[in-house]
Amino acid sequence: MSLIDPRAIIDPTAVLADNVEVGPWSIIGAGVEIGEGTVVGPHVVLKGPTRIGKHNRIYQFSSVGEDTPDLKYKGEETRLVIGDHNVIREGVTIHRGTIQDRAETTLGDHNLIMA
């Protein structure tokens, strides 16, 4: 059973698997998919297209899936794919890729990402 704080904002097109937790004041945007058992802390922003695998933990004030700040980016369709069992600590920013770089940012499994 998922545990979604009533103060979280979740786009109706976002897909959340079973046993996902979303903390207060987090925003989950359109095109976001979250795998089973993932915990999204408070004040996290997730933007799509982003796919997050199973059993990840994303700590407060992280920004995941935002447009890349790369000057080559002109609004093309790009995506972010995060694997399973990752820990994304507080304040981390992970952008989507650019079309020149396969249009995808990929983060594998079992990583610790810190700011």
N, C-alpha and C. Protein backbone atom coordinates (compact mmCIF):
# COMPACT_ATOMS: atom_id res chain seq x y z
N MET A 1 0.83 -1.18 0.00
CA MET A 1 0.00 0.00 0.00
C MET A 1 0.89 1.25 0.00
N SER A 2 0.60 2.17 -0.88
CA SER A 2 1.38 3.40 -0.97
C SER A 2 0.97 4.37 0.14
N LEU A 3 1.89 5.23 0.52
CA LEU A 3 1.64 6.23 1.54
C LEU A 3 1.97 7.59 0.93
N ILE A 4 0.94 8.34 0.56
CA ILE A 4 1.09 9.63 -0.10
C ILE A 4 0.62 10.71 0.86
N ASP A 5 1.50 11.63 1.22
CA ASP A 5 1.09 12.72 2.10
C ASP A 5 0.07 13.59 1.36
N PRO A 6 -1.00 14.01 2.03
CA PRO A 6 -2.03 14.81 1.36
C PRO A 6 -1.54 16.17 0.88
N ARG A 7 -0.40 16.62 1.37
CA ARG A 7 0.15 17.91 0.93
C ARG A 7 1.03 17.78 -0.31
N ALA A 8 1.28 16.56 -0.74
CA ALA A 8 2.05 16.34 -1.97
C ALA A 8 1.17 16.68 -3.17
N ILE A 9 1.80 17.10 -4.25
CA ILE A 9 1.09 17.40 -5.50
C ILE A 9 1.55 16.38 -6.53
N ILE A 10 0.60 15.59 -7.03
CA ILE A 10 0.93 14.52 -7.97
C ILE A 10 0.09 14.69 -9.23
N ASP A 11 0.75 14.83 -10.36
CA ASP A 11 0.05 14.95 -11.64
C ASP A 11 -0.76 13.67 -11.88
N PRO A 12 -1.97 13.79 -12.40
CA PRO A 12 -2.78 12.60 -12.63
C PRO A 12 -2.20 11.62 -13.64
N THR A 13 -1.24 12.07 -14.46
CA THR A 13 -0.63 11.15 -15.43
C THR A 13 0.60 10.43 -14.87
N ALA A 14 1.04 10.82 -13.68
CA ALA A 14 2.18 10.13 -13.06
C ALA A 14 1.77 8.71 -12.68
N VAL A 15 2.72 7.78 -12.77
CA VAL A 15 2.44 6.37 -12.46
C VAL A 15 3.27 5.99 -11.24
N LEU A 16 2.59 5.62 -10.16
CA LEU A 16 3.25 5.20 -8.94
C LEU A 16 2.93 3.74 -8.68
N ALA A 17 3.96 2.92 -8.53
CA ALA A 17 3.77 1.49 -8.25
C ALA A 17 3.33 1.31 -6.79
N ASP A 18 3.16 0.06 -6.40
CA ASP A 18 2.78 -0.25 -5.02
C ASP A 18 3.88 0.12 -4.04
N ASN A 19 3.46 0.43 -2.84
CA ASN A 19 4.37 0.68 -1.72
C ASN A 19 5.31 1.86 -1.94
N VAL A 20 4.86 2.86 -2.68
CA VAL A 20 5.63 4.09 -2.86
C VAL A 20 5.22 5.05 -1.75
N GLU A 21 6.20 5.76 -1.20
CA GLU A 21 5.92 6.79 -0.20
C GLU A 21 6.31 8.14 -0.78
N VAL A 22 5.43 9.14 -0.58
CA VAL A 22 5.71 10.50 -1.05
C VAL A 22 5.47 11.45 0.13
N GLY A 23 6.50 12.23 0.46
CA GLY A 23 6.44 13.13 1.60
C GLY A 23 5.73 14.43 1.29
N PRO A 24 5.51 15.23 2.35
CA PRO A 24 4.79 16.48 2.19
C PRO A 24 5.53 17.47 1.30
N TRP A 25 4.74 18.22 0.56
CA TRP A 25 5.19 19.30 -0.32
C TRP A 25 6.08 18.84 -1.46
N SER A 26 6.09 17.56 -1.73
CA SER A 26 6.79 17.07 -2.91
C SER A 26 5.88 17.24 -4.12
N ILE A 27 6.49 17.42 -5.28
CA ILE A 27 5.75 17.60 -6.53
C ILE A 27 6.21 16.52 -7.50
N ILE A 28 5.25 15.76 -7.99
CA ILE A 28 5.52 14.73 -8.98
C ILE A 28 4.78 15.11 -10.25
N GLY A 29 5.54 15.43 -11.29
CA GLY A 29 4.97 15.98 -12.50
C GLY A 29 4.53 14.93 -13.51
N ALA A 30 4.03 15.44 -14.62
CA ALA A 30 3.58 14.60 -15.73
C ALA A 30 4.75 13.79 -16.27
N GLY A 31 4.47 12.57 -16.68
CA GLY A 31 5.49 11.74 -17.30
C GLY A 31 6.46 11.09 -16.34
N VAL A 32 6.15 11.10 -15.05
CA VAL A 32 7.03 10.47 -14.06
C VAL A 32 6.48 9.09 -13.73
N GLU A 33 7.37 8.09 -13.71
CA GLU A 33 7.03 6.73 -13.28
C GLU A 33 7.92 6.39 -12.10
N ILE A 34 7.31 5.89 -11.02
CA ILE A 34 8.06 5.56 -9.81
C ILE A 34 7.83 4.09 -9.49
N GLY A 35 8.93 3.34 -9.34
CA GLY A 35 8.87 1.91 -9.09
C GLY A 35 8.55 1.56 -7.64
N GLU A 36 8.20 0.32 -7.45
CA GLU A 36 7.77 -0.23 -6.17
C GLU A 36 8.78 0.03 -5.06
N GLY A 37 8.25 0.43 -3.90
CA GLY A 37 9.07 0.58 -2.71
C GLY A 37 9.95 1.80 -2.67
N THR A 38 9.79 2.71 -3.62
CA THR A 38 10.60 3.93 -3.62
C THR A 38 10.04 4.92 -2.62
N VAL A 39 10.93 5.62 -1.92
CA VAL A 39 10.55 6.62 -0.94
C VAL A 39 11.00 7.99 -1.45
N VAL A 40 10.04 8.90 -1.60
CA VAL A 40 10.31 10.27 -2.02
C VAL A 40 10.09 11.15 -0.80
N GLY A 41 11.14 11.77 -0.31
CA GLY A 41 11.04 12.58 0.90
C GLY A 41 10.27 13.87 0.68
N PRO A 42 10.23 14.73 1.70
CA PRO A 42 9.53 16.00 1.59
C PRO A 42 10.28 16.98 0.68
N HIS A 43 9.53 17.88 0.06
CA HIS A 43 10.10 18.97 -0.74
C HIS A 43 10.95 18.47 -1.90
N VAL A 44 10.58 17.37 -2.50
CA VAL A 44 11.29 16.84 -3.68
C VAL A 44 10.49 17.21 -4.92
N VAL A 45 11.17 17.57 -6.00
CA VAL A 45 10.51 17.85 -7.28
C VAL A 45 10.97 16.80 -8.29
N LEU A 46 10.00 16.08 -8.87
CA LEU A 46 10.27 15.09 -9.91
C LEU A 46 9.55 15.54 -11.17
N LYS A 47 10.28 15.71 -12.27
CA LYS A 47 9.69 16.11 -13.54
C LYS A 47 9.97 15.05 -14.58
N GLY A 48 9.07 14.93 -15.54
CA GLY A 48 9.22 13.92 -16.56
C GLY A 48 9.59 14.50 -17.91
N PRO A 49 9.89 13.59 -18.82
CA PRO A 49 9.79 12.15 -18.68
C PRO A 49 10.94 11.57 -17.85
N THR A 50 10.55 10.93 -16.76
CA THR A 50 11.51 10.32 -15.84
C THR A 50 10.96 8.98 -15.37
N ARG A 51 11.81 7.96 -15.41
CA ARG A 51 11.44 6.65 -14.87
C ARG A 51 12.39 6.32 -13.73
N ILE A 52 11.82 6.07 -12.56
CA ILE A 52 12.59 5.73 -11.37
C ILE A 52 12.27 4.29 -11.02
N GLY A 53 13.30 3.48 -10.85
CA GLY A 53 13.12 2.06 -10.58
C GLY A 53 12.63 1.76 -9.18
N LYS A 54 12.90 0.54 -8.74
CA LYS A 54 12.40 0.03 -7.46
C LYS A 54 13.35 0.34 -6.31
N HIS A 55 12.75 0.55 -5.15
CA HIS A 55 13.47 0.63 -3.87
C HIS A 55 14.56 1.70 -3.86
N ASN A 56 14.23 2.86 -4.40
CA ASN A 56 15.12 4.02 -4.32
C ASN A 56 14.69 4.89 -3.15
N ARG A 57 15.59 5.71 -2.68
CA ARG A 57 15.26 6.69 -1.64
C ARG A 57 15.77 8.03 -2.10
N ILE A 58 14.85 9.02 -2.17
CA ILE A 58 15.20 10.37 -2.61
C ILE A 58 14.93 11.31 -1.44
N TYR A 59 15.97 11.96 -0.97
CA TYR A 59 15.88 12.82 0.20
C TYR A 59 15.39 14.22 -0.16
N GLN A 60 15.09 14.98 0.88
CA GLN A 60 14.47 16.30 0.75
C GLN A 60 15.28 17.26 -0.11
N PHE A 61 14.54 18.15 -0.74
CA PHE A 61 15.08 19.25 -1.54
C PHE A 61 15.87 18.80 -2.76
N SER A 62 15.63 17.60 -3.24
CA SER A 62 16.25 17.14 -4.48
C SER A 62 15.38 17.53 -5.66
N SER A 63 16.02 17.79 -6.79
CA SER A 63 15.35 18.10 -8.04
C SER A 63 15.78 17.06 -9.06
N VAL A 64 14.82 16.28 -9.54
CA VAL A 64 15.12 15.13 -10.39
C VAL A 64 14.29 15.22 -11.67
N GLY A 65 14.96 15.22 -12.82
CA GLY A 65 14.27 15.19 -14.10
C GLY A 65 14.01 16.55 -14.71
N GLU A 66 14.61 17.58 -14.20
CA GLU A 66 14.44 18.93 -14.75
C GLU A 66 15.15 19.03 -16.10
N ASP A 67 14.75 20.03 -16.91
CA ASP A 67 15.46 20.31 -18.16
C ASP A 67 16.94 20.51 -17.86
N THR A 68 17.78 20.06 -18.77
CA THR A 68 19.21 20.25 -18.61
C THR A 68 19.59 21.73 -18.78
N PRO A 69 20.57 22.22 -18.04
CA PRO A 69 21.03 23.59 -18.24
C PRO A 69 22.03 23.71 -19.40
N ASP A 70 22.32 22.61 -20.08
CA ASP A 70 23.26 22.62 -21.20
C ASP A 70 22.76 23.58 -22.29
N LEU A 71 23.62 24.45 -22.76
CA LEU A 71 23.23 25.44 -23.75
C LEU A 71 22.83 24.83 -25.09
N LYS A 72 23.19 23.57 -25.34
CA LYS A 72 22.77 22.90 -26.58
C LYS A 72 21.29 22.53 -26.54
N TYR A 73 20.72 22.45 -25.36
CA TYR A 73 19.34 22.01 -25.20
C TYR A 73 18.38 23.08 -25.72
N LYS A 74 17.51 22.67 -26.63
CA LYS A 74 16.54 23.58 -27.24
C LYS A 74 15.11 23.11 -27.04
N GLY A 75 14.87 22.34 -25.98
CA GLY A 75 13.52 21.90 -25.68
C GLY A 75 13.14 20.56 -26.28
N GLU A 76 14.11 19.84 -26.84
CA GLU A 76 13.83 18.53 -27.44
C GLU A 76 13.36 17.54 -26.37
N GLU A 77 12.69 16.48 -26.81
CA GLU A 77 12.25 15.42 -25.90
C GLU A 77 13.46 14.64 -25.40
N THR A 78 13.69 14.70 -24.12
CA THR A 78 14.77 13.95 -23.48
C THR A 78 14.20 13.25 -22.26
N ARG A 79 14.98 12.34 -21.66
CA ARG A 79 14.45 11.60 -20.52
C ARG A 79 15.54 11.27 -19.52
N LEU A 80 15.07 10.85 -18.35
CA LEU A 80 15.95 10.41 -17.27
C LEU A 80 15.49 9.03 -16.84
N VAL A 81 16.44 8.11 -16.72
CA VAL A 81 16.13 6.75 -16.26
C VAL A 81 17.02 6.46 -15.06
N ILE A 82 16.39 6.14 -13.94
CA ILE A 82 17.10 5.80 -12.71
C ILE A 82 16.80 4.35 -12.40
N GLY A 83 17.84 3.57 -12.11
CA GLY A 83 17.68 2.14 -11.83
C GLY A 83 17.11 1.87 -10.45
N ASP A 84 17.52 0.76 -9.87
CA ASP A 84 16.99 0.27 -8.60
C ASP A 84 17.99 0.46 -7.46
N HIS A 85 17.46 0.59 -6.26
CA HIS A 85 18.26 0.58 -5.02
C HIS A 85 19.30 1.70 -4.97
N ASN A 86 18.89 2.90 -5.38
CA ASN A 86 19.77 4.05 -5.31
C ASN A 86 19.38 4.92 -4.12
N VAL A 87 20.35 5.65 -3.59
CA VAL A 87 20.10 6.64 -2.55
C VAL A 87 20.52 7.98 -3.11
N ILE A 88 19.57 8.90 -3.19
CA ILE A 88 19.80 10.24 -3.71
C ILE A 88 19.64 11.17 -2.51
N ARG A 89 20.74 11.68 -2.01
CA ARG A 89 20.73 12.45 -0.77
C ARG A 89 20.17 13.86 -0.99
N GLU A 90 20.00 14.58 0.13
CA GLU A 90 19.35 15.88 0.11
C GLU A 90 20.09 16.86 -0.80
N GLY A 91 19.29 17.67 -1.49
CA GLY A 91 19.82 18.74 -2.32
C GLY A 91 20.45 18.32 -3.63
N VAL A 92 20.28 17.09 -4.04
CA VAL A 92 20.87 16.62 -5.30
C VAL A 92 20.01 17.07 -6.48
N THR A 93 20.66 17.45 -7.57
CA THR A 93 19.99 17.78 -8.82
C THR A 93 20.45 16.81 -9.90
N ILE A 94 19.48 16.16 -10.56
CA ILE A 94 19.78 15.27 -11.68
C ILE A 94 18.93 15.71 -12.86
N HIS A 95 19.58 16.17 -13.93
CA HIS A 95 18.88 16.67 -15.11
C HIS A 95 18.69 15.57 -16.16
N ARG A 96 17.75 15.82 -17.06
CA ARG A 96 17.62 14.97 -18.24
C ARG A 96 18.76 15.31 -19.21
N GLY A 97 19.01 14.41 -20.17
CA GLY A 97 20.11 14.59 -21.12
C GLY A 97 19.79 15.58 -22.22
N THR A 98 20.70 15.65 -23.20
CA THR A 98 20.47 16.43 -24.41
C THR A 98 20.38 15.49 -25.59
N ILE A 99 19.79 15.95 -26.66
CA ILE A 99 19.63 15.14 -27.86
C ILE A 99 21.01 14.76 -28.43
N GLN A 100 22.01 15.61 -28.23
CA GLN A 100 23.36 15.34 -28.71
C GLN A 100 24.03 14.22 -27.90
N ASP A 101 23.53 13.96 -26.73
CA ASP A 101 24.10 12.93 -25.85
C ASP A 101 23.10 11.80 -25.63
N ARG A 102 22.55 11.24 -26.68
CA ARG A 102 21.59 10.13 -26.66
C ARG A 102 20.23 10.50 -26.08
N ALA A 103 20.01 11.75 -25.74
CA ALA A 103 18.72 12.25 -25.24
C ALA A 103 18.31 11.60 -23.92
N GLU A 104 19.26 11.02 -23.21
CA GLU A 104 18.90 10.32 -21.98
C GLU A 104 20.03 10.41 -20.96
N THR A 105 19.64 10.71 -19.73
CA THR A 105 20.55 10.55 -18.61
C THR A 105 20.18 9.25 -17.93
N THR A 106 21.16 8.39 -17.68
CA THR A 106 20.91 7.09 -17.07
C THR A 106 21.73 6.95 -15.80
N LEU A 107 21.06 6.55 -14.74
CA LEU A 107 21.71 6.26 -13.47
C LEU A 107 21.41 4.80 -13.18
N GLY A 108 22.42 3.98 -13.03
CA GLY A 108 22.23 2.54 -12.86
C GLY A 108 21.66 2.14 -11.51
N ASP A 109 22.12 1.02 -10.99
CA ASP A 109 21.61 0.46 -9.74
C ASP A 109 22.65 0.60 -8.62
N HIS A 110 22.16 0.65 -7.39
CA HIS A 110 22.99 0.60 -6.19
C HIS A 110 24.01 1.73 -6.11
N ASN A 111 23.55 2.96 -6.35
CA ASN A 111 24.43 4.13 -6.27
C ASN A 111 24.07 5.00 -5.08
N LEU A 112 25.05 5.72 -4.58
CA LEU A 112 24.84 6.77 -3.59
C LEU A 112 25.22 8.08 -4.27
N ILE A 113 24.25 8.99 -4.39
CA ILE A 113 24.47 10.27 -5.05
C ILE A 113 24.35 11.36 -3.98
N MET A 114 25.39 12.18 -3.86
CA MET A 114 25.38 13.26 -2.86
C MET A 114 25.71 14.58 -3.54
N ALA A 115 25.22 15.67 -2.95
CA ALA A 115 25.53 17.01 -3.47
C ALA A 115 26.79 17.52 -2.83
